[in-house]
């Protein structure tokens, strides 16, 4: 991550078809934006613990992008604005989620959150081996990847909060934001071309997943982040490919299990990299 210097539904009373049960499980509140935002609240709080934006503390690129309109207010005011906005959105998300639960008679927040944590942990366990295997397969074409993991001075609670909270902001910017916009535009484009509805959806998912993954990888580079200030990394084909692959996998998690699971999978994966629990490619 570049820096700066659901859910089981309860169905009662009336019989429900297998297709409808599957639809509600996939599209219910546990995959909704409201629950996803609530599930990420601990990550946002952990990020604030790291003090981003305060003197001597870096900011995650995705968070800096989201709150760039407040840059002219000054560092302290940006921090205050971010906290107020996150708090207001959390209240709105809680109200929206409770209304959804009442309407669909689904499980409460705590069971859904527990399941999201479990699915996020499982997702991170899958991400590691798949990504490093993909790096090995791609190495003849893009070169051998060198990715430093762990921390020379040892991981700290603040650093852990920073990389995990930064993952949540990246999911908002690149999955909820970029992927969703690309999906809507691509679907309209394929429909305009005369594609059948199913083909238009498939094409839109493909374009949105790959496009958002490329943006995700690109915004780790100093060439893309210069307008935000110093930071970012130099281009390396192997690392860029590795990050783009991670973006595609996270897009799949987002589309399949929702924003909360994608964010926690990303956060746990970043934490594993920080503590050196994942191997680095030579």
C-alpha atoms as a PDB file:
ATOM      1  CA  UNK A   1       0.000   0.000   0.000  1.00  0.00           C
ATOM      2  CA  UNK A   2       1.494   3.327  -1.051  1.00  0.00           C
ATOM      3  CA  UNK A   3       1.870   5.959   1.657  1.00  0.00           C
ATOM      4  CA  UNK A   4       2.990   9.562   2.207  1.00  0.00           C
ATOM      5  CA  UNK A   5       6.178  11.150   4.268  1.00  0.00           C
ATOM      6  CA  UNK A   6     -25.290 -12.214   5.232  1.00  0.00           C
ATOM      7  CA  UNK A   7     -24.763 -13.732   6.336  1.00  0.00           C
ATOM      8  CA  UNK A   8     -27.535 -16.251   6.845  1.00  0.00           C
ATOM      9  CA  UNK A   9     -31.076 -14.959   6.428  1.00  0.00           C
ATOM     10  CA  UNK A  10     -33.964 -16.303   8.502  1.00  0.00           C
ATOM     11  CA  UNK A  11     -36.964 -17.373   6.471  1.00  0.00           C
ATOM     12  CA  UNK A  12     -40.167 -18.151   8.307  1.00  0.00           C
ATOM     13  CA  UNK A  13     -43.887 -18.630   7.807  1.00  0.00           C
ATOM     14  CA  UNK A  14     -44.062 -18.950   4.041  1.00  0.00           C
ATOM     15  CA  UNK A  15     -42.148 -21.307   1.761  1.00  0.00           C
ATOM     16  CA  UNK A  16     -39.505 -19.657  -0.362  1.00  0.00           C
ATOM     17  CA  UNK A  17     -38.067 -21.031  -3.566  1.00  0.00           C
ATOM     18  CA  UNK A  18     -34.425 -22.117  -3.717  1.00  0.00           C
ATOM     19  CA  UNK A  19     -33.679 -19.361  -6.244  1.00  0.00           C
ATOM     20  CA  UNK A  20     -35.162 -16.681  -4.001  1.00  0.00           C
ATOM     21  CA  UNK A  21     -33.255 -17.922  -0.961  1.00  0.00           C
ATOM     22  CA  UNK A  22     -30.009 -17.759  -2.924  1.00  0.00           C
ATOM     23  CA  UNK A  23     -30.865 -14.305  -4.228  1.00  0.00           C
ATOM     24  CA  UNK A  24     -31.579 -12.942  -0.749  1.00  0.00           C
ATOM     25  CA  UNK A  25     -28.438 -14.470   0.703  1.00  0.00           C
ATOM     26  CA  UNK A  26     -26.306 -12.965  -2.008  1.00  0.00           C
ATOM     27  CA  UNK A  27     -27.999  -9.582  -2.302  1.00  0.00           C
ATOM     28  CA  UNK A  28     -29.226  -9.001   1.262  1.00  0.00           C
ATOM     29  CA  UNK A  29     -27.942  -6.435   3.797  1.00  0.00           C
ATOM     30  CA  UNK A  30     -24.716  -8.339   4.481  1.00  0.00           C
ATOM     31  CA  UNK A  31     -23.558  -7.476   0.973  1.00  0.00           C
ATOM     32  CA  UNK A  32     -24.992  -3.993   1.043  1.00  0.00           C
ATOM     33  CA  UNK A  33     -22.983  -0.805   1.332  1.00  0.00           C
ATOM     34  CA  UNK A  34     -24.545   0.057   4.696  1.00  0.00           C
ATOM     35  CA  UNK A  35     -23.388  -3.125   6.369  1.00  0.00           C
ATOM     36  CA  UNK A  36     -20.051  -2.996   4.553  1.00  0.00           C
ATOM     37  CA  UNK A  37     -19.357   0.458   5.973  1.00  0.00           C
ATOM     38  CA  UNK A  38     -20.347  -0.643   9.477  1.00  0.00           C
ATOM     39  CA  UNK A  39     -18.134  -3.716   9.188  1.00  0.00           C
ATOM     40  CA  UNK A  40     -15.200  -1.465   8.304  1.00  0.00           C
ATOM     41  CA  UNK A  41     -15.651   0.881  11.282  1.00  0.00           C
ATOM     42  CA  UNK A  42     -13.017  -0.926  13.406  1.00  0.00           C
ATOM     43  CA  UNK A  43     -10.567  -0.467  10.505  1.00  0.00           C
ATOM     44  CA  UNK A  44     -11.341   3.254  10.277  1.00  0.00           C
ATOM     45  CA  UNK A  45     -10.852   3.587  14.038  1.00  0.00           C
ATOM     46  CA  UNK A  46      -7.556   1.685  13.843  1.00  0.00           C
ATOM     47  CA  UNK A  47      -6.451   4.041  11.077  1.00  0.00           C
ATOM     48  CA  UNK A  48      -7.148   7.074  13.279  1.00  0.00           C
ATOM     49  CA  UNK A  49      -5.062   5.478  16.026  1.00  0.00           C
ATOM     50  CA  UNK A  50      -2.084   5.679  13.656  1.00  0.00           C
ATOM     51  CA  UNK A  51      -2.467   9.474  13.480  1.00  0.00           C
ATOM     52  CA  UNK A  52      -2.524   9.946   9.677  1.00  0.00           C
ATOM     53  CA  UNK A  53      -2.204  13.558   8.632  1.00  0.00           C
ATOM     54  CA  UNK A  54      -0.692  14.666  11.925  1.00  0.00           C
ATOM     55  CA  UNK A  55       2.933  15.927  11.959  1.00  0.00           C
ATOM     56  CA  UNK A  56       5.326  13.102  11.130  1.00  0.00           C
ATOM     57  CA  UNK A  57       2.572  10.626  10.269  1.00  0.00           C
ATOM     58  CA  UNK A  58       1.973   9.501   6.659  1.00  0.00           C
ATOM     59  CA  UNK A  59      -1.421   9.118   5.008  1.00  0.00           C
ATOM     60  CA  UNK A  60      -2.717   6.298   2.856  1.00  0.00           C
ATOM     61  CA  UNK A  61      -3.094   7.296  -0.774  1.00  0.00           C
ATOM     62  CA  UNK A  62      -6.740   6.205  -0.977  1.00  0.00           C
ATOM     63  CA  UNK A  63      -7.653   8.211   2.118  1.00  0.00           C
ATOM     64  CA  UNK A  64      -5.773  11.232   0.750  1.00  0.00           C
ATOM     65  CA  UNK A  65      -7.724  10.937  -2.521  1.00  0.00           C
ATOM     66  CA  UNK A  66     -11.067  10.812  -0.727  1.00  0.00           C
ATOM     67  CA  UNK A  67     -10.365  13.840   1.418  1.00  0.00           C
ATOM     68  CA  UNK A  68      -8.285  15.848  -1.061  1.00  0.00           C
ATOM     69  CA  UNK A  69     -11.072  18.495  -1.322  1.00  0.00           C
ATOM     70  CA  UNK A  70     -10.280  19.426   2.298  1.00  0.00           C
ATOM     71  CA  UNK A  71      -6.537  19.864   1.741  1.00  0.00           C
ATOM     72  CA  UNK A  72      -6.739  23.646   1.752  1.00  0.00           C
ATOM     73  CA  UNK A  73      -8.156  23.594   5.272  1.00  0.00           C
ATOM     74  CA  UNK A  74      -4.833  22.525   6.728  1.00  0.00           C
ATOM     75  CA  UNK A  75      -3.619  19.223   8.180  1.00  0.00           C
ATOM     76  CA  UNK A  76      -5.449  19.455  11.524  1.00  0.00           C
ATOM     77  CA  UNK A  77      -8.734  20.467   9.888  1.00  0.00           C
ATOM     78  CA  UNK A  78      -8.477  17.607   7.382  1.00  0.00           C
ATOM     79  CA  UNK A  79      -8.172  15.149  10.272  1.00  0.00           C
ATOM     80  CA  UNK A  80     -11.198  16.683  12.016  1.00  0.00           C
ATOM     81  CA  UNK A  81     -13.221  16.710   8.799  1.00  0.00           C
ATOM     82  CA  UNK A  82     -12.377  13.070   8.118  1.00  0.00           C
ATOM     83  CA  UNK A  83     -13.471  11.986  11.588  1.00  0.00           C
ATOM     84  CA  UNK A  84     -16.708  13.935  11.431  1.00  0.00           C
ATOM     85  CA  UNK A  85     -17.571  12.571   7.987  1.00  0.00           C
ATOM     86  CA  UNK A  86     -16.824   8.977   9.002  1.00  0.00           C
ATOM     87  CA  UNK A  87     -18.952   9.418  12.129  1.00  0.00           C
ATOM     88  CA  UNK A  88     -21.904  10.862  10.232  1.00  0.00           C
ATOM     89  CA  UNK A  89     -21.714   8.138   7.597  1.00  0.00           C
ATOM     90  CA  UNK A  90     -21.570   5.494  10.325  1.00  0.00           C
ATOM     91  CA  UNK A  91     -24.821   6.771  11.880  1.00  0.00           C
ATOM     92  CA  UNK A  92     -26.488   6.890   8.457  1.00  0.00           C
ATOM     93  CA  UNK A  93     -25.250   3.379   7.638  1.00  0.00           C
ATOM     94  CA  UNK A  94     -26.560   2.020  10.950  1.00  0.00           C
ATOM     95  CA  UNK A  95     -30.018   3.489  10.352  1.00  0.00           C
ATOM     96  CA  UNK A  96     -30.098   2.171   6.785  1.00  0.00           C
ATOM     97  CA  UNK A  97     -28.938  -1.280   7.883  1.00  0.00           C
ATOM     98  CA  UNK A  98     -31.552  -1.556  10.623  1.00  0.00           C
ATOM     99  CA  UNK A  99     -34.290  -0.620   8.164  1.00  0.00           C
ATOM    100  CA  UNK A 100     -33.056  -3.318   5.776  1.00  0.00           C
ATOM    101  CA  UNK A 101     -32.970  -5.927   8.520  1.00  0.00           C
ATOM    102  CA  UNK A 102     -36.524  -5.150   9.595  1.00  0.00           C
ATOM    103  CA  UNK A 103     -37.741  -5.260   6.009  1.00  0.00           C
ATOM    104  CA  UNK A 104     -36.056  -8.591   5.223  1.00  0.00           C
ATOM    105  CA  UNK A 105     -36.202 -10.130   8.718  1.00  0.00           C
ATOM    106  CA  UNK A 106     -32.489 -10.882   8.588  1.00  0.00           C
ATOM    107  CA  UNK A 107     -29.892 -11.510  11.251  1.00  0.00           C
ATOM    108  CA  UNK A 108     -28.669  -8.708  13.507  1.00  0.00           C
ATOM    109  CA  UNK A 109     -25.432  -6.772  13.146  1.00  0.00           C
ATOM    110  CA  UNK A 110     -23.233  -8.807  15.514  1.00  0.00           C
ATOM    111  CA  UNK A 111     -23.706 -12.229  13.824  1.00  0.00           C
ATOM    112  CA  UNK A 112     -23.159 -10.684  10.411  1.00  0.00           C
ATOM    113  CA  UNK A 113     -20.023  -8.917  11.587  1.00  0.00           C
ATOM    114  CA  UNK A 114     -18.626 -12.120  13.113  1.00  0.00           C
ATOM    115  CA  UNK A 115     -19.192 -13.958   9.842  1.00  0.00           C
ATOM    116  CA  UNK A 116     -17.561 -11.122   7.912  1.00  0.00           C
ATOM    117  CA  UNK A 117     -14.432 -11.382  10.077  1.00  0.00           C
ATOM    118  CA  UNK A 118     -14.255 -15.133   9.496  1.00  0.00           C
ATOM    119  CA  UNK A 119     -14.754 -14.772   5.752  1.00  0.00           C
ATOM    120  CA  UNK A 120     -12.197 -11.953   5.675  1.00  0.00           C
ATOM    121  CA  UNK A 121      -9.629 -14.098   7.458  1.00  0.00           C
ATOM    122  CA  UNK A 122     -10.275 -16.969   5.049  1.00  0.00           C
ATOM    123  CA  UNK A 123     -10.048 -14.585   2.109  1.00  0.00           C
ATOM    124  CA  UNK A 124      -6.656 -13.327   3.254  1.00  0.00           C
ATOM    125  CA  UNK A 125      -5.406 -16.906   3.601  1.00  0.00           C
ATOM    126  CA  UNK A 126      -6.354 -17.518  -0.024  1.00  0.00           C
ATOM    127  CA  UNK A 127      -4.914 -14.230  -1.302  1.00  0.00           C
ATOM    128  CA  UNK A 128      -1.362 -14.944  -0.141  1.00  0.00           C
ATOM    129  CA  UNK A 129      -0.662 -18.275  -1.868  1.00  0.00           C
ATOM    130  CA  UNK A 130      -2.574 -17.286  -5.018  1.00  0.00           C
ATOM    131  CA  UNK A 131      -0.702 -13.996  -5.389  1.00  0.00           C
ATOM    132  CA  UNK A 132       2.733 -15.428  -4.832  1.00  0.00           C
ATOM    133  CA  UNK A 133       1.974 -18.345  -7.169  1.00  0.00           C
ATOM    134  CA  UNK A 134       0.795 -15.831  -9.787  1.00  0.00           C
ATOM    135  CA  UNK A 135       4.049 -13.897  -9.349  1.00  0.00           C
ATOM    136  CA  UNK A 136       6.038 -17.030 -10.090  1.00  0.00           C
ATOM    137  CA  UNK A 137       3.976 -17.795 -13.190  1.00  0.00           C
ATOM    138  CA  UNK A 138       4.331 -14.223 -14.483  1.00  0.00           C
ATOM    139  CA  UNK A 139       8.044 -13.880 -13.699  1.00  0.00           C
ATOM    140  CA  UNK A 140       9.265 -14.993 -17.178  1.00  0.00           C
ATOM    141  CA  UNK A 141       7.242 -12.153 -18.712  1.00  0.00           C
ATOM    142  CA  UNK A 142       7.524  -9.294 -16.187  1.00  0.00           C
ATOM    143  CA  UNK A 143      10.599 -10.225 -14.192  1.00  0.00           C
ATOM    144  CA  UNK A 144      11.098 -11.513 -10.691  1.00  0.00           C
ATOM    145  CA  UNK A 145       9.188  -9.699  -8.016  1.00  0.00           C
ATOM    146  CA  UNK A 146      10.971  -8.297  -4.983  1.00  0.00           C
ATOM    147  CA  UNK A 147       8.557  -7.255  -2.257  1.00  0.00           C
ATOM    148  CA  UNK A 148       9.790  -6.379   1.196  1.00  0.00           C
ATOM    149  CA  UNK A 149       7.631  -7.782   3.962  1.00  0.00           C
ATOM    150  CA  UNK A 150       7.775  -7.272   7.660  1.00  0.00           C
ATOM    151  CA  UNK A 151       9.378  -4.268   9.290  1.00  0.00           C
ATOM    152  CA  UNK A 152      13.011  -3.617  10.076  1.00  0.00           C
ATOM    153  CA  UNK A 153      12.071  -2.018  13.409  1.00  0.00           C
ATOM    154  CA  UNK A 154       9.333  -4.526  14.101  1.00  0.00           C
ATOM    155  CA  UNK A 155       5.592  -4.024  13.600  1.00  0.00           C
ATOM    156  CA  UNK A 156       3.837  -1.639  15.972  1.00  0.00           C
ATOM    157  CA  UNK A 157       0.159  -1.262  16.851  1.00  0.00           C
ATOM    158  CA  UNK A 158       0.083   2.119  15.106  1.00  0.00           C
ATOM    159  CA  UNK A 159       1.643   0.707  11.954  1.00  0.00           C
ATOM    160  CA  UNK A 160      -0.794  -2.220  12.002  1.00  0.00           C
ATOM    161  CA  UNK A 161      -3.702   0.197  12.328  1.00  0.00           C
ATOM    162  CA  UNK A 162      -2.338   2.233   9.442  1.00  0.00           C
ATOM    163  CA  UNK A 163      -1.999  -0.641   6.957  1.00  0.00           C
ATOM    164  CA  UNK A 164      -5.325  -2.213   7.951  1.00  0.00           C
ATOM    165  CA  UNK A 165      -7.255   1.054   7.917  1.00  0.00           C
ATOM    166  CA  UNK A 166      -5.585   2.044   4.662  1.00  0.00           C
ATOM    167  CA  UNK A 167      -6.915  -1.191   3.153  1.00  0.00           C
ATOM    168  CA  UNK A 168     -10.466  -0.145   4.056  1.00  0.00           C
ATOM    169  CA  UNK A 169     -10.047   3.207   2.313  1.00  0.00           C
ATOM    170  CA  UNK A 170      -8.595   1.453  -0.740  1.00  0.00           C
ATOM    171  CA  UNK A 171     -11.669  -0.757  -0.934  1.00  0.00           C
ATOM    172  CA  UNK A 172     -13.912   2.310  -0.865  1.00  0.00           C
ATOM    173  CA  UNK A 173     -11.959   4.121  -3.576  1.00  0.00           C
ATOM    174  CA  UNK A 174     -11.079   1.269  -5.930  1.00  0.00           C
ATOM    175  CA  UNK A 175     -13.830  -1.306  -5.425  1.00  0.00           C
ATOM    176  CA  UNK A 176     -16.902   0.589  -4.235  1.00  0.00           C
ATOM    177  CA  UNK A 177     -15.958   3.670  -6.251  1.00  0.00           C
ATOM    178  CA  UNK A 178     -13.917   2.858  -9.362  1.00  0.00           C
ATOM    179  CA  UNK A 179     -15.284  -0.644  -9.966  1.00  0.00           C
ATOM    180  CA  UNK A 180     -18.905   0.442  -9.548  1.00  0.00           C
ATOM    181  CA  UNK A 181     -18.528   3.420 -11.891  1.00  0.00           C
ATOM    182  CA  UNK A 182     -16.707   1.355 -14.504  1.00  0.00           C
ATOM    183  CA  UNK A 183     -19.368  -1.349 -14.263  1.00  0.00           C
ATOM    184  CA  UNK A 184     -22.204   1.116 -14.845  1.00  0.00           C
ATOM    185  CA  UNK A 185     -20.459   2.799 -17.773  1.00  0.00           C
ATOM    186  CA  UNK A 186     -19.368  -0.489 -19.349  1.00  0.00           C
ATOM    187  CA  UNK A 187     -22.803  -2.033 -19.056  1.00  0.00           C
ATOM    188  CA  UNK A 188     -24.348   0.988 -20.767  1.00  0.00           C
ATOM    189  CA  UNK A 189     -21.707   0.787 -23.500  1.00  0.00           C
ATOM    190  CA  UNK A 190     -22.217  -2.924 -24.189  1.00  0.00           C
ATOM    191  CA  UNK A 191     -25.987  -2.442 -24.155  1.00  0.00           C
ATOM    192  CA  UNK A 192     -25.603   0.424 -26.639  1.00  0.00           C
ATOM    193  CA  UNK A 193     -23.598  -1.946 -28.858  1.00  0.00           C
ATOM    194  CA  UNK A 194     -26.575  -4.299 -28.867  1.00  0.00           C
ATOM    195  CA  UNK A 195     -25.213  -7.002 -26.572  1.00  0.00           C
ATOM    196  CA  UNK A 196     -27.679  -9.298 -24.834  1.00  0.00           C
ATOM    197  CA  UNK A 197     -28.296  -8.459 -21.146  1.00  0.00           C
ATOM    198  CA  UNK A 198     -26.230 -11.409 -19.925  1.00  0.00           C
ATOM    199  CA  UNK A 199     -23.344 -10.603 -22.242  1.00  0.00           C
ATOM    200  CA  UNK A 200     -23.495  -6.925 -21.275  1.00  0.00           C
ATOM    201  CA  UNK A 201     -23.280  -7.796 -17.579  1.00  0.00           C
ATOM    202  CA  UNK A 202     -20.391 -10.204 -18.126  1.00  0.00           C
ATOM    203  CA  UNK A 203     -18.504  -7.689 -20.238  1.00  0.00           C
ATOM    204  CA  UNK A 204     -19.134  -4.966 -17.660  1.00  0.00           C
ATOM    205  CA  UNK A 205     -17.872  -7.133 -14.802  1.00  0.00           C
ATOM    206  CA  UNK A 206     -14.725  -7.977 -16.749  1.00  0.00           C
ATOM    207  CA  UNK A 207     -13.958  -4.388 -17.733  1.00  0.00           C
ATOM    208  CA  UNK A 208     -14.750  -3.055 -14.254  1.00  0.00           C
ATOM    209  CA  UNK A 209     -12.681  -5.675 -12.444  1.00  0.00           C
ATOM    210  CA  UNK A 210      -9.623  -5.282 -14.653  1.00  0.00           C
ATOM    211  CA  UNK A 211      -9.929  -1.504 -14.936  1.00  0.00           C
ATOM    212  CA  UNK A 212     -10.276  -0.954 -11.184  1.00  0.00           C
ATOM    213  CA  UNK A 213      -7.376  -3.361 -10.568  1.00  0.00           C
ATOM    214  CA  UNK A 214      -5.143  -1.351 -12.922  1.00  0.00           C
ATOM    215  CA  UNK A 215      -6.116   1.857 -11.130  1.00  0.00           C
ATOM    216  CA  UNK A 216      -5.414   0.187  -7.792  1.00  0.00           C
ATOM    217  CA  UNK A 217      -1.935  -0.807  -8.958  1.00  0.00           C
ATOM    218  CA  UNK A 218      -1.329   2.538 -10.665  1.00  0.00           C
ATOM    219  CA  UNK A 219      -2.076   4.620  -7.603  1.00  0.00           C
ATOM    220  CA  UNK A 220       0.769   2.941  -5.752  1.00  0.00           C
ATOM    221  CA  UNK A 221       3.172   4.627  -8.195  1.00  0.00           C
ATOM    222  CA  UNK A 222       4.745   8.018  -7.628  1.00  0.00           C
ATOM    223  CA  UNK A 223       3.891   8.943 -11.231  1.00  0.00           C
ATOM    224  CA  UNK A 224       0.182   8.834 -10.302  1.00  0.00           C
ATOM    225  CA  UNK A 225       0.355  10.190  -6.759  1.00  0.00           C
ATOM    226  CA  UNK A 226       2.552  13.238  -7.398  1.00  0.00           C
ATOM    227  CA  UNK A 227      -0.444  15.589  -7.408  1.00  0.00           C
ATOM    228  CA  UNK A 228      -1.147  14.548  -3.802  1.00  0.00           C
ATOM    229  CA  UNK A 229       2.387  15.203  -2.593  1.00  0.00           C
ATOM    230  CA  UNK A 230       5.589  13.191  -2.144  1.00  0.00           C
ATOM    231  CA  UNK A 231       5.233   9.439  -1.937  1.00  0.00           C
ATOM    232  CA  UNK A 232       4.506   6.375  -4.023  1.00  0.00           C
ATOM    233  CA  UNK A 233       6.910   3.873  -5.504  1.00  0.00           C
ATOM    234  CA  UNK A 234       8.863   3.618  -8.738  1.00  0.00           C
ATOM    235  CA  UNK A 235       7.384   1.488 -11.511  1.00  0.00           C
ATOM    236  CA  UNK A 236       8.389  -2.163 -11.469  1.00  0.00           C
ATOM    237  CA  UNK A 237       6.629  -4.453 -13.938  1.00  0.00           C
ATOM    238  CA  UNK A 238       6.604  -7.457 -11.615  1.00  0.00           C
ATOM    239  CA  UNK A 239       5.262  -5.581  -8.593  1.00  0.00           C
ATOM    240  CA  UNK A 240       2.727  -3.712 -10.732  1.00  0.00           C
ATOM    241  CA  UNK A 241       1.460  -7.029 -12.133  1.00  0.00           C
ATOM    242  CA  UNK A 242       1.319  -8.460  -8.618  1.00  0.00           C
ATOM    243  CA  UNK A 243      -0.750  -5.533  -7.350  1.00  0.00           C
ATOM    244  CA  UNK A 244      -3.052  -5.625 -10.380  1.00  0.00           C
ATOM    245  CA  UNK A 245      -3.645  -9.334  -9.767  1.00  0.00           C
ATOM    246  CA  UNK A 246      -4.448  -8.539  -6.139  1.00  0.00           C
ATOM    247  CA  UNK A 247      -6.916  -5.935  -7.371  1.00  0.00           C
ATOM    248  CA  UNK A 248      -8.691  -8.479  -9.564  1.00  0.00           C
ATOM    249  CA  UNK A 249      -8.952 -10.966  -6.685  1.00  0.00           C
ATOM    250  CA  UNK A 250     -10.264  -8.279  -4.338  1.00  0.00           C
ATOM    251  CA  UNK A 251     -12.765  -7.242  -7.016  1.00  0.00           C
ATOM    252  CA  UNK A 252     -14.010 -10.834  -7.131  1.00  0.00           C
ATOM    253  CA  UNK A 253     -14.407 -10.853  -3.346  1.00  0.00           C
ATOM    254  CA  UNK A 254     -16.222  -7.525  -3.466  1.00  0.00           C
ATOM    255  CA  UNK A 255     -18.647  -8.731  -6.131  1.00  0.00           C
ATOM    256  CA  UNK A 256     -19.193 -12.108  -4.460  1.00  0.00           C
ATOM    257  CA  UNK A 257     -19.197 -11.359  -0.742  1.00  0.00           C
ATOM    258  CA  UNK A 258     -19.476  -7.594  -0.490  1.00  0.00           C
ATOM    259  CA  UNK A 259     -17.512  -4.586   0.688  1.00  0.00           C
ATOM    260  CA  UNK A 260     -16.968  -5.755   4.268  1.00  0.00           C
ATOM    261  CA  UNK A 261     -15.397  -9.095   3.362  1.00  0.00           C
ATOM    262  CA  UNK A 262     -13.179  -7.516   0.701  1.00  0.00           C
ATOM    263  CA  UNK A 263     -11.973  -4.870   3.163  1.00  0.00           C
ATOM    264  CA  UNK A 264     -11.192  -7.315   5.963  1.00  0.00           C
ATOM    265  CA  UNK A 265      -9.484  -9.748   3.568  1.00  0.00           C
ATOM    266  CA  UNK A 266      -7.326  -6.879   2.320  1.00  0.00           C
ATOM    267  CA  UNK A 267      -6.673  -5.673   5.873  1.00  0.00           C
ATOM    268  CA  UNK A 268      -5.656  -9.101   7.180  1.00  0.00           C
ATOM    269  CA  UNK A 269      -3.429  -9.613   4.142  1.00  0.00           C
ATOM    270  CA  UNK A 270      -1.698  -6.259   4.736  1.00  0.00           C
ATOM    271  CA  UNK A 271      -1.225  -7.198   8.391  1.00  0.00           C
ATOM    272  CA  UNK A 272       0.336 -10.520   7.381  1.00  0.00           C
ATOM    273  CA  UNK A 273       2.766  -8.677   5.113  1.00  0.00           C
ATOM    274  CA  UNK A 274       3.609  -6.258   7.928  1.00  0.00           C
ATOM    275  CA  UNK A 275       4.479  -8.954  10.449  1.00  0.00           C
ATOM    276  CA  UNK A 276       6.282 -11.044   7.833  1.00  0.00           C
ATOM    277  CA  UNK A 277       3.830 -13.933   7.967  1.00  0.00           C
ATOM    278  CA  UNK A 278       3.864 -14.240   4.175  1.00  0.00           C
ATOM    279  CA  UNK A 279       6.941 -15.209   2.170  1.00  0.00           C
ATOM    280  CA  UNK A 280       8.549 -12.691  -0.151  1.00  0.00           C
ATOM    281  CA  UNK A 281       9.555 -13.535  -3.683  1.00  0.00           C
ATOM    282  CA  UNK A 282      13.325 -13.536  -4.249  1.00  0.00           C
END
